[in-house]
Amino acid sequence: MYLNYWGFQVYPYEISPDPKFIFYSRDHEEAMTRLLYAVYRKRGAALLTGEIGCGKTTLSRALIQQLPKHKYNIGLIANPNLKPTDFLKETLYQFGLTPGTDSKVDLLNLLGEMILQDFRKGMTTLLIIDEAQLVPPETFEEVRLLLNYQLNDQFLLSLILIGQPELRGIIRRVEQLDQRIAVRYHLGALSFDQTVKYILFRLSKAGLNKNVFTDDALRTIYDHSRGVPRKINNICDMSLLIGFGMKIREIDVDVIQEAVRDTSCEGENESEGSYVLGSKSFILPTAAS
């Protein structure tokens, strides 16, 4: 609706993932580096946690884009609230297999055969479990057992667990799994300076090479969003729509306050999946430092 009015080529603050809108804060860069290290070095399991809306999900999608398809067989489970047998079936399905059995033994055999085939082809099997805090306690035992696929002290399956902060406590209660988490990182919100850079970056990527937010407006966005990218996107998008309706050329504090009221950004409890990261290239050494 407001594209032509503001001079955008595309909407700058969409809440769906788009690799064109890549912004790496220091935290996101560090998180990506650690995840890539865990996968490249076949360290077994990695754990990424963070508050709602900080970009965990889209960071995992960015990770997938970084990995060559001919070297990595990747399965992604987005809704892991499953009983053990259903979890195994979903795992196989995400790797492109459709098992015609409910036998746990048969499912494990199918998974083992697939992992060995990947190994023989020189591929790494990678399973990413998003929203892992939703995994039922009895299913975490199956998650742990996935790391038993080893050969000569080398993990044949790499596992990345992603979830909200309470996932750290859940993992600690599964001691055998906790001991196998080789890489951990907690993703934080953006600082004020990073929030400003993020807002201006997305304006530029959308085709507008100028700032339409006053300094006070930027501070107000940060105060209400607390540096959470999803909330920043919601506030900025609504403020641009309001500004279009008012036929103004600059977004000030009053517009931001109205946008906040309209989006109910204060105290909201939204699901993950808005902060976009994607195709930035990370090169890591082939040997552990």
C-alpha atoms as a PDB file:
ATOM      1  CA  MET A   1       0.000   0.000   0.000  1.00  0.00           C
ATOM      2  CA  TYR A   2       2.711   2.503   0.919  1.00  0.00           C
ATOM      3  CA  LEU A   3       5.504   1.371  -1.439  1.00  0.00           C
ATOM      4  CA  ASN A   4       5.216   4.152  -4.028  1.00  0.00           C
ATOM      5  CA  TYR A   5       4.509   6.838  -1.443  1.00  0.00           C
ATOM      6  CA  TRP A   6       7.780   6.284   0.408  1.00  0.00           C
ATOM      7  CA  GLY A   7       9.735   5.199  -2.663  1.00  0.00           C
ATOM      8  CA  PHE A   8      10.340   1.555  -1.746  1.00  0.00           C
ATOM      9  CA  GLN A   9      10.895  -1.255  -4.195  1.00  0.00           C
ATOM     10  CA  VAL A  10       9.721  -3.855  -1.676  1.00  0.00           C
ATOM     11  CA  TYR A  11       8.300  -3.703   1.826  1.00  0.00           C
ATOM     12  CA  PRO A  12      11.213  -3.122   4.233  1.00  0.00           C
ATOM     13  CA  TYR A  13       9.844  -4.651   7.424  1.00  0.00           C
ATOM     14  CA  GLU A  14       8.118  -7.850   6.444  1.00  0.00           C
ATOM     15  CA  ILE A  15       8.040 -10.454   9.209  1.00  0.00           C
ATOM     16  CA  SER A  16       8.643 -13.417   6.904  1.00  0.00           C
ATOM     17  CA  PRO A  17      12.186 -14.602   6.138  1.00  0.00           C
ATOM     18  CA  ASP A  18      13.831 -12.992   3.118  1.00  0.00           C
ATOM     19  CA  PRO A  19      17.541 -13.584   2.408  1.00  0.00           C
ATOM     20  CA  LYS A  20      17.858 -10.122   0.827  1.00  0.00           C
ATOM     21  CA  PHE A  21      17.386  -8.524   4.241  1.00  0.00           C
ATOM     22  CA  ILE A  22      20.486  -9.785   5.981  1.00  0.00           C
ATOM     23  CA  PHE A  23      21.665  -7.975   9.091  1.00  0.00           C
ATOM     24  CA  TYR A  24      24.218  -9.541  11.396  1.00  0.00           C
ATOM     25  CA  SER A  25      24.620  -8.081  14.824  1.00  0.00           C
ATOM     26  CA  ARG A  26      27.678  -9.140  16.813  1.00  0.00           C
ATOM     27  CA  ASP A  27      25.561 -11.757  18.574  1.00  0.00           C
ATOM     28  CA  HIS A  28      24.158 -13.157  15.345  1.00  0.00           C
ATOM     29  CA  GLU A  29      27.588 -13.313  13.752  1.00  0.00           C
ATOM     30  CA  GLU A  30      29.007 -15.145  16.756  1.00  0.00           C
ATOM     31  CA  ALA A  31      26.067 -17.537  16.828  1.00  0.00           C
ATOM     32  CA  MET A  32      26.471 -18.329  13.128  1.00  0.00           C
ATOM     33  CA  THR A  33      30.207 -18.874  13.524  1.00  0.00           C
ATOM     34  CA  ARG A  34      29.679 -21.327  16.379  1.00  0.00           C
ATOM     35  CA  LEU A  35      26.967 -23.260  14.582  1.00  0.00           C
ATOM     36  CA  LEU A  36      29.067 -23.550  11.451  1.00  0.00           C
ATOM     37  CA  TYR A  37      32.012 -24.701  13.518  1.00  0.00           C
ATOM     38  CA  ALA A  38      29.908 -27.395  15.162  1.00  0.00           C
ATOM     39  CA  VAL A  39      28.706 -28.648  11.778  1.00  0.00           C
ATOM     40  CA  TYR A  40      32.017 -28.393   9.908  1.00  0.00           C
ATOM     41  CA  ARG A  41      33.948 -30.113  12.670  1.00  0.00           C
ATOM     42  CA  LYS A  42      31.217 -32.721  13.283  1.00  0.00           C
ATOM     43  CA  ARG A  43      31.167 -31.954  16.989  1.00  0.00           C
ATOM     44  CA  GLY A  44      27.899 -33.808  17.623  1.00  0.00           C
ATOM     45  CA  ALA A  45      25.347 -31.450  19.144  1.00  0.00           C
ATOM     46  CA  ALA A  46      25.000 -27.664  19.336  1.00  0.00           C
ATOM     47  CA  LEU A  47      22.520 -25.605  21.348  1.00  0.00           C
ATOM     48  CA  LEU A  48      21.188 -22.179  20.343  1.00  0.00           C
ATOM     49  CA  THR A  49      18.811 -20.365  22.679  1.00  0.00           C
ATOM     50  CA  GLY A  50      17.343 -16.884  22.774  1.00  0.00           C
ATOM     51  CA  GLU A  51      14.308 -14.838  23.674  1.00  0.00           C
ATOM     52  CA  ILE A  52      11.212 -14.873  21.463  1.00  0.00           C
ATOM     53  CA  GLY A  53      11.688 -12.836  18.303  1.00  0.00           C
ATOM     54  CA  CYS A  54      15.480 -12.486  18.471  1.00  0.00           C
ATOM     55  CA  GLY A  55      16.120 -14.385  15.262  1.00  0.00           C
ATOM     56  CA  LYS A  56      16.892 -17.973  16.232  1.00  0.00           C
ATOM     57  CA  THR A  57      14.693 -19.527  13.574  1.00  0.00           C
ATOM     58  CA  THR A  58      15.909 -17.396  10.709  1.00  0.00           C
ATOM     59  CA  LEU A  59      19.497 -17.872  11.837  1.00  0.00           C
ATOM     60  CA  SER A  60      18.961 -21.596  11.378  1.00  0.00           C
ATOM     61  CA  ARG A  61      17.567 -20.962   7.891  1.00  0.00           C
ATOM     62  CA  ALA A  62      20.634 -18.862   7.136  1.00  0.00           C
ATOM     63  CA  LEU A  63      22.808 -21.732   8.309  1.00  0.00           C
ATOM     64  CA  ILE A  64      21.069 -24.081   5.901  1.00  0.00           C
ATOM     65  CA  GLN A  65      21.779 -21.669   3.046  1.00  0.00           C
ATOM     66  CA  GLN A  66      25.463 -21.669   3.955  1.00  0.00           C
ATOM     67  CA  LEU A  67      25.831 -25.441   3.635  1.00  0.00           C
ATOM     68  CA  PRO A  68      26.428 -26.965   0.166  1.00  0.00           C
ATOM     69  CA  LYS A  69      23.596 -29.299  -0.750  1.00  0.00           C
ATOM     70  CA  HIS A  70      25.960 -31.873  -2.221  1.00  0.00           C
ATOM     71  CA  LYS A  71      27.798 -32.174   1.098  1.00  0.00           C
ATOM     72  CA  TYR A  72      24.965 -31.974   3.642  1.00  0.00           C
ATOM     73  CA  ASN A  73      21.732 -33.921   3.982  1.00  0.00           C
ATOM     74  CA  ILE A  74      19.608 -31.640   6.173  1.00  0.00           C
ATOM     75  CA  GLY A  75      16.398 -32.369   8.023  1.00  0.00           C
ATOM     76  CA  LEU A  76      14.469 -29.627   9.810  1.00  0.00           C
ATOM     77  CA  ILE A  77      11.808 -30.316  12.426  1.00  0.00           C
ATOM     78  CA  ALA A  78       9.807 -27.165  13.125  1.00  0.00           C
ATOM     79  CA  ASN A  79       7.156 -28.681  15.413  1.00  0.00           C
ATOM     80  CA  PRO A  80       8.838 -31.245  17.693  1.00  0.00           C
ATOM     81  CA  ASN A  81       5.955 -31.743  20.132  1.00  0.00           C
ATOM     82  CA  LEU A  82       5.769 -35.409  19.177  1.00  0.00           C
ATOM     83  CA  LYS A  83       5.706 -38.784  20.864  1.00  0.00           C
ATOM     84  CA  PRO A  84       8.884 -40.871  20.364  1.00  0.00           C
ATOM     85  CA  THR A  85       7.643 -42.963  17.440  1.00  0.00           C
ATOM     86  CA  ASP A  86       6.076 -39.964  15.703  1.00  0.00           C
ATOM     87  CA  PHE A  87       9.304 -38.049  16.243  1.00  0.00           C
ATOM     88  CA  LEU A  88      11.311 -40.759  14.476  1.00  0.00           C
ATOM     89  CA  LYS A  89       8.809 -40.858  11.612  1.00  0.00           C
ATOM     90  CA  GLU A  90       8.927 -37.066  11.269  1.00  0.00           C
ATOM     91  CA  THR A  91      12.726 -37.162  11.297  1.00  0.00           C
ATOM     92  CA  LEU A  92      12.765 -39.647   8.438  1.00  0.00           C
ATOM     93  CA  TYR A  93      10.130 -37.654   6.565  1.00  0.00           C
ATOM     94  CA  GLN A  94      12.224 -34.479   6.818  1.00  0.00           C
ATOM     95  CA  PHE A  95      15.105 -36.366   5.252  1.00  0.00           C
ATOM     96  CA  GLY A  96      12.867 -37.314   2.349  1.00  0.00           C
ATOM     97  CA  LEU A  97      11.879 -40.802   3.490  1.00  0.00           C
ATOM     98  CA  THR A  98       8.325 -42.054   4.009  1.00  0.00           C
ATOM     99  CA  PRO A  99       8.434 -45.094   6.287  1.00  0.00           C
ATOM    100  CA  GLY A 100       5.549 -47.513   5.968  1.00  0.00           C
ATOM    101  CA  THR A 101       5.856 -48.797   9.505  1.00  0.00           C
ATOM    102  CA  ASP A 102       5.178 -47.829  13.109  1.00  0.00           C
ATOM    103  CA  SER A 103       7.814 -50.204  14.445  1.00  0.00           C
ATOM    104  CA  LYS A 104      10.386 -48.254  16.417  1.00  0.00           C
ATOM    105  CA  VAL A 105      13.054 -50.827  15.582  1.00  0.00           C
ATOM    106  CA  ASP A 106      12.335 -50.544  11.852  1.00  0.00           C
ATOM    107  CA  LEU A 107      12.328 -46.739  12.016  1.00  0.00           C
ATOM    108  CA  LEU A 108      15.706 -46.708  13.749  1.00  0.00           C
ATOM    109  CA  ASN A 109      17.090 -49.173  11.196  1.00  0.00           C
ATOM    110  CA  LEU A 110      15.891 -46.972   8.333  1.00  0.00           C
ATOM    111  CA  LEU A 111      17.481 -43.942   9.920  1.00  0.00           C
ATOM    112  CA  GLY A 112      20.736 -45.788  10.528  1.00  0.00           C
ATOM    113  CA  GLU A 113      20.873 -47.019   6.946  1.00  0.00           C
ATOM    114  CA  MET A 114      20.302 -43.503   5.628  1.00  0.00           C
ATOM    115  CA  ILE A 115      23.066 -42.059   7.827  1.00  0.00           C
ATOM    116  CA  LEU A 116      25.510 -44.739   6.665  1.00  0.00           C
ATOM    117  CA  GLN A 117      24.611 -44.064   3.036  1.00  0.00           C
ATOM    118  CA  ASP A 118      25.304 -40.370   3.583  1.00  0.00           C
ATOM    119  CA  PHE A 119      28.662 -41.245   5.146  1.00  0.00           C
ATOM    120  CA  ARG A 120      29.644 -43.474   2.218  1.00  0.00           C
ATOM    121  CA  LYS A 121      28.746 -40.654  -0.197  1.00  0.00           C
ATOM    122  CA  GLY A 122      30.911 -38.220   1.765  1.00  0.00           C
ATOM    123  CA  MET A 123      27.901 -36.319   3.086  1.00  0.00           C
ATOM    124  CA  THR A 124      27.105 -35.093   6.583  1.00  0.00           C
ATOM    125  CA  THR A 125      23.670 -35.813   8.037  1.00  0.00           C
ATOM    126  CA  LEU A 126      22.386 -32.761   9.907  1.00  0.00           C
ATOM    127  CA  LEU A 127      19.173 -32.617  11.941  1.00  0.00           C
ATOM    128  CA  ILE A 128      17.915 -29.228  13.166  1.00  0.00           C
ATOM    129  CA  ILE A 129      15.162 -29.185  15.790  1.00  0.00           C
ATOM    130  CA  ASP A 130      13.496 -25.790  16.131  1.00  0.00           C
ATOM    131  CA  GLU A 131      11.376 -24.856  19.155  1.00  0.00           C
ATOM    132  CA  ALA A 132      13.112 -27.735  20.934  1.00  0.00           C
ATOM    133  CA  GLN A 133      11.706 -26.663  24.312  1.00  0.00           C
ATOM    134  CA  LEU A 134       8.481 -28.305  23.100  1.00  0.00           C
ATOM    135  CA  VAL A 135      10.046 -31.769  22.825  1.00  0.00           C
ATOM    136  CA  PRO A 136       8.279 -34.037  25.380  1.00  0.00           C
ATOM    137  CA  PRO A 137      10.554 -35.505  28.090  1.00  0.00           C
ATOM    138  CA  GLU A 138      10.145 -39.061  26.815  1.00  0.00           C
ATOM    139  CA  THR A 139      11.109 -37.964  23.308  1.00  0.00           C
ATOM    140  CA  PHE A 140      14.341 -36.337  24.478  1.00  0.00           C
ATOM    141  CA  GLU A 141      15.633 -39.849  25.055  1.00  0.00           C
ATOM    142  CA  GLU A 142      15.262 -40.500  21.317  1.00  0.00           C
ATOM    143  CA  VAL A 143      17.026 -37.213  20.603  1.00  0.00           C
ATOM    144  CA  ARG A 144      19.920 -38.275  22.805  1.00  0.00           C
ATOM    145  CA  LEU A 145      20.167 -41.681  21.158  1.00  0.00           C
ATOM    146  CA  LEU A 146      20.580 -40.070  17.743  1.00  0.00           C
ATOM    147  CA  LEU A 147      24.088 -39.114  18.820  1.00  0.00           C
ATOM    148  CA  ASN A 148      24.950 -42.801  19.219  1.00  0.00           C
ATOM    149  CA  TYR A 149      25.468 -42.981  15.468  1.00  0.00           C
ATOM    150  CA  GLN A 150      29.278 -42.813  15.554  1.00  0.00           C
ATOM    151  CA  LEU A 151      32.217 -44.323  13.737  1.00  0.00           C
ATOM    152  CA  ASN A 152      35.761 -44.290  15.151  1.00  0.00           C
ATOM    153  CA  ASP A 153      34.947 -41.448  17.550  1.00  0.00           C
ATOM    154  CA  GLN A 154      33.339 -39.437  14.742  1.00  0.00           C
ATOM    155  CA  PHE A 155      29.690 -38.428  14.934  1.00  0.00           C
ATOM    156  CA  LEU A 156      27.809 -39.550  11.840  1.00  0.00           C
ATOM    157  CA  LEU A 157      24.878 -37.281  12.640  1.00  0.00           C
ATOM    158  CA  SER A 158      25.114 -33.625  13.627  1.00  0.00           C
ATOM    159  CA  LEU A 159      22.333 -32.201  15.794  1.00  0.00           C
ATOM    160  CA  ILE A 160      21.338 -28.590  16.393  1.00  0.00           C
ATOM    161  CA  LEU A 161      18.777 -27.788  19.075  1.00  0.00           C
ATOM    162  CA  ILE A 162      17.140 -24.356  18.924  1.00  0.00           C
ATOM    163  CA  GLY A 163      14.725 -22.951  21.451  1.00  0.00           C
ATOM    164  CA  GLN A 164      13.698 -20.437  24.048  1.00  0.00           C
ATOM    165  CA  PRO A 165      15.786 -19.844  27.203  1.00  0.00           C
ATOM    166  CA  GLU A 166      14.057 -22.575  29.208  1.00  0.00           C
ATOM    167  CA  LEU A 167      15.579 -25.130  26.840  1.00  0.00           C
ATOM    168  CA  ARG A 168      18.892 -24.745  28.679  1.00  0.00           C
ATOM    169  CA  GLY A 169      17.334 -26.008  31.899  1.00  0.00           C
ATOM    170  CA  ILE A 170      15.556 -28.834  30.108  1.00  0.00           C
ATOM    171  CA  ILE A 171      18.830 -30.001  28.569  1.00  0.00           C
ATOM    172  CA  ARG A 172      20.630 -29.879  31.925  1.00  0.00           C
ATOM    173  CA  ARG A 173      18.104 -32.352  33.294  1.00  0.00           C
ATOM    174  CA  VAL A 174      18.997 -34.833  30.528  1.00  0.00           C
ATOM    175  CA  GLU A 175      22.572 -35.329  31.724  1.00  0.00           C
ATOM    176  CA  GLN A 176      23.740 -37.681  28.986  1.00  0.00           C
ATOM    177  CA  LEU A 177      22.505 -35.256  26.325  1.00  0.00           C
ATOM    178  CA  ASP A 178      23.853 -32.243  28.173  1.00  0.00           C
ATOM    179  CA  GLN A 179      27.328 -33.765  28.196  1.00  0.00           C
ATOM    180  CA  ARG A 180      27.221 -34.117  24.413  1.00  0.00           C
ATOM    181  CA  ILE A 181      26.428 -30.468  23.694  1.00  0.00           C
ATOM    182  CA  ALA A 182      29.765 -29.309  22.299  1.00  0.00           C
ATOM    183  CA  VAL A 183      28.735 -25.787  21.275  1.00  0.00           C
ATOM    184  CA  ARG A 184      26.316 -23.447  23.070  1.00  0.00           C
ATOM    185  CA  TYR A 185      25.204 -19.895  22.442  1.00  0.00           C
ATOM    186  CA  HIS A 186      22.477 -17.611  23.760  1.00  0.00           C
ATOM    187  CA  LEU A 187      21.230 -15.035  21.286  1.00  0.00           C
ATOM    188  CA  GLY A 188      20.440 -11.622  22.734  1.00  0.00           C
ATOM    189  CA  ALA A 189      18.445  -8.648  21.524  1.00  0.00           C
ATOM    190  CA  LEU A 190      20.002  -5.734  19.624  1.00  0.00           C
ATOM    191  CA  SER A 191      21.577  -2.783  21.400  1.00  0.00           C
ATOM    192  CA  PHE A 192      20.311   0.707  20.655  1.00  0.00           C
ATOM    193  CA  ASP A 193      23.107   1.374  18.145  1.00  0.00           C
ATOM    194  CA  GLN A 194      22.483  -1.966  16.456  1.00  0.00           C
ATOM    195  CA  THR A 195      18.741  -1.283  16.374  1.00  0.00           C
ATOM    196  CA  VAL A 196      19.358   1.990  14.512  1.00  0.00           C
ATOM    197  CA  LYS A 197      21.691   0.256  12.042  1.00  0.00           C
ATOM    198  CA  TYR A 198      19.135  -2.510  11.568  1.00  0.00           C
ATOM    199  CA  ILE A 199      16.306  -0.053  10.810  1.00  0.00           C
ATOM    200  CA  LEU A 200      18.403   1.979   8.362  1.00  0.00           C
ATOM    201  CA  PHE A 201      19.816  -1.155   6.744  1.00  0.00           C
ATOM    202  CA  ARG A 202      16.365  -2.463   5.932  1.00  0.00           C
ATOM    203  CA  LEU A 203      15.293   0.903   4.539  1.00  0.00           C
ATOM    204  CA  SER A 204      18.270   0.838   2.203  1.00  0.00           C
ATOM    205  CA  LYS A 205      17.747  -2.795   1.151  1.00  0.00           C
ATOM    206  CA  ALA A 206      14.142  -1.928   0.280  1.00  0.00           C
ATOM    207  CA  GLY A 207      15.320   0.820  -2.071  1.00  0.00           C
ATOM    208  CA  LEU A 208      15.157   3.962   0.092  1.00  0.00           C
ATOM    209  CA  ASN A 209      18.592   5.528   0.555  1.00  0.00           C
ATOM    210  CA  LYS A 210      17.570   7.987   3.240  1.00  0.00           C
ATOM    211  CA  ASN A 211      16.297   7.911   6.804  1.00  0.00           C
ATOM    212  CA  VAL A 212      12.622   8.740   7.352  1.00  0.00           C
ATOM    213  CA  PHE A 213      12.711   8.283  11.155  1.00  0.00           C
ATOM    214  CA  THR A 214      13.631  11.155  13.463  1.00  0.00           C
ATOM    215  CA  ASP A 215      16.283  10.558  16.130  1.00  0.00           C
ATOM    216  CA  ASP A 216      13.627  10.629  18.841  1.00  0.00           C
ATOM    217  CA  ALA A 217      11.520   8.169  16.853  1.00  0.00           C
ATOM    218  CA  LEU A 218      14.450   5.751  16.640  1.00  0.00           C
ATOM    219  CA  ARG A 219      14.963   5.978  20.386  1.00  0.00           C
ATOM    220  CA  THR A 220      11.259   5.356  20.974  1.00  0.00           C
ATOM    221  CA  ILE A 221      11.292   2.318  18.693  1.00  0.00           C
ATOM    222  CA  TYR A 222      14.138   0.879  20.730  1.00  0.00           C
ATOM    223  CA  ASP A 223      12.448   1.678  24.051  1.00  0.00           C
ATOM    224  CA  HIS A 224       9.285  -0.167  23.032  1.00  0.00           C
ATOM    225  CA  SER A 225      10.885  -3.043  21.110  1.00  0.00           C
ATOM    226  CA  ARG A 226      13.765  -3.563  23.561  1.00  0.00           C
ATOM    227  CA  GLY A 227      15.887  -4.410  20.534  1.00  0.00           C
ATOM    228  CA  VAL A 228      13.860  -7.474  19.519  1.00  0.00           C
ATOM    229  CA  PRO A 229      13.896  -7.615  15.684  1.00  0.00           C
ATOM    230  CA  ARG A 230      10.340  -8.910  15.318  1.00  0.00           C
ATOM    231  CA  LYS A 231       8.969  -6.061  17.406  1.00  0.00           C
ATOM    232  CA  ILE A 232      11.123  -3.555  15.538  1.00  0.00           C
ATOM    233  CA  ASN A 233       9.677  -4.807  12.250  1.00  0.00           C
ATOM    234  CA  ASN A 234       6.098  -4.594  13.495  1.00  0.00           C
ATOM    235  CA  ILE A 235       6.497  -1.053  14.831  1.00  0.00           C
ATOM    236  CA  CYS A 236       8.333   0.260  11.765  1.00  0.00           C
ATOM    237  CA  ASP A 237       5.912  -1.323   9.306  1.00  0.00           C
ATOM    238  CA  MET A 238       2.881   0.103  11.081  1.00  0.00           C
ATOM    239  CA  SER A 239       4.494   3.531  11.431  1.00  0.00           C
ATOM    240  CA  LEU A 240       5.145   3.681   7.690  1.00  0.00           C
ATOM    241  CA  LEU A 241       1.525   2.758   7.028  1.00  0.00           C
ATOM    242  CA  ILE A 242       0.315   5.446   9.446  1.00  0.00           C
ATOM    243  CA  GLY A 243       2.667   7.991   7.880  1.00  0.00           C
ATOM    244  CA  PHE A 244       1.296   7.122   4.451  1.00  0.00           C
ATOM    245  CA  GLY A 245      -2.248   7.666   5.702  1.00  0.00           C
ATOM    246  CA  MET A 246      -1.297  11.018   7.221  1.00  0.00           C
ATOM    247  CA  LYS A 247       0.629  12.078   4.066  1.00  0.00           C
ATOM    248  CA  ILE A 248       3.721  13.023   6.048  1.00  0.00           C
ATOM    249  CA  ARG A 249       7.325  12.627   4.948  1.00  0.00           C
ATOM    250  CA  GLU A 250       8.983  11.937   8.312  1.00  0.00           C
ATOM    251  CA  ILE A 251       8.134   9.521  11.080  1.00  0.00           C
ATOM    252  CA  ASP A 252       8.237  11.197  14.485  1.00  0.00           C
ATOM    253  CA  VAL A 253       7.600  10.068  18.049  1.00  0.00           C
ATOM    254  CA  ASP A 254       3.849  10.610  17.854  1.00  0.00           C
ATOM    255  CA  VAL A 255       3.590   8.262  14.884  1.00  0.00           C
ATOM    256  CA  ILE A 256       5.695   5.633  16.648  1.00  0.00           C
ATOM    257  CA  GLN A 257       3.515   5.846  19.748  1.00  0.00           C
ATOM    258  CA  GLU A 258       0.414   5.299  17.635  1.00  0.00           C
ATOM    259  CA  ALA A 259       2.097   2.388  15.855  1.00  0.00           C
ATOM    260  CA  VAL A 260       2.958   0.831  19.215  1.00  0.00           C
ATOM    261  CA  ARG A 261      -0.645   1.084  20.338  1.00  0.00           C
ATOM    262  CA  ASP A 262      -1.834  -0.474  17.073  1.00  0.00           C
ATOM    263  CA  THR A 263       0.626  -3.365  17.174  1.00  0.00           C
ATOM    264  CA  SER A 264       0.418  -3.962  20.942  1.00  0.00           C
ATOM    265  CA  CYS A 265       4.167  -4.520  20.937  1.00  0.00           C
ATOM    266  CA  GLU A 266       4.622  -3.915  24.637  1.00  0.00           C
ATOM    267  CA  GLY A 267       4.372  -7.134  26.610  1.00  0.00           C
ATOM    268  CA  GLU A 268       3.431  -9.250  23.605  1.00  0.00           C
ATOM    269  CA  ASN A 269       4.318 -12.908  23.486  1.00  0.00           C
ATOM    270  CA  GLU A 270       4.818 -13.799  19.853  1.00  0.00           C
ATOM    271  CA  SER A 271       6.242 -16.871  18.217  1.00  0.00           C
ATOM    272  CA  GLU A 272       9.658 -16.985  16.606  1.00  0.00           C
ATOM    273  CA  GLY A 273      10.376 -16.465  12.962  1.00  0.00           C
ATOM    274  CA  SER A 274      10.638 -12.815  11.928  1.00  0.00           C
ATOM    275  CA  TYR A 275      14.237 -11.781  12.004  1.00  0.00           C
ATOM    276  CA  VAL A 276      15.841 -12.403   8.647  1.00  0.00           C
ATOM    277  CA  LEU A 277      19.400 -13.601   8.174  1.00  0.00           C
ATOM    278  CA  GLY A 278      20.626 -15.433   5.181  1.00  0.00           C
ATOM    279  CA  SER A 279      23.373 -15.639   2.619  1.00  0.00           C
ATOM    280  CA  LYS A 280      26.373 -13.922   4.174  1.00  0.00           C
ATOM    281  CA  SER A 281      29.439 -16.064   3.650  1.00  0.00           C
ATOM    282  CA  PHE A 282      31.344 -17.328   6.673  1.00  0.00           C
ATOM    283  CA  ILE A 283      34.673 -19.071   6.172  1.00  0.00           C
ATOM    284  CA  LEU A 284      36.032 -21.112   9.026  1.00  0.00           C
ATOM    285  CA  PRO A 285      39.361 -22.887   9.330  1.00  0.00           C
ATOM    286  CA  THR A 286      39.322 -26.595   8.627  1.00  0.00           C
ATOM    287  CA  ALA A 287      41.146 -27.354  11.859  1.00  0.00           C
ATOM    288  CA  ALA A 288      40.022 -26.525  15.360  1.00  0.00           C
ATOM    289  CA  SER A 289      41.641 -23.417  16.788  1.00  0.00           C
END
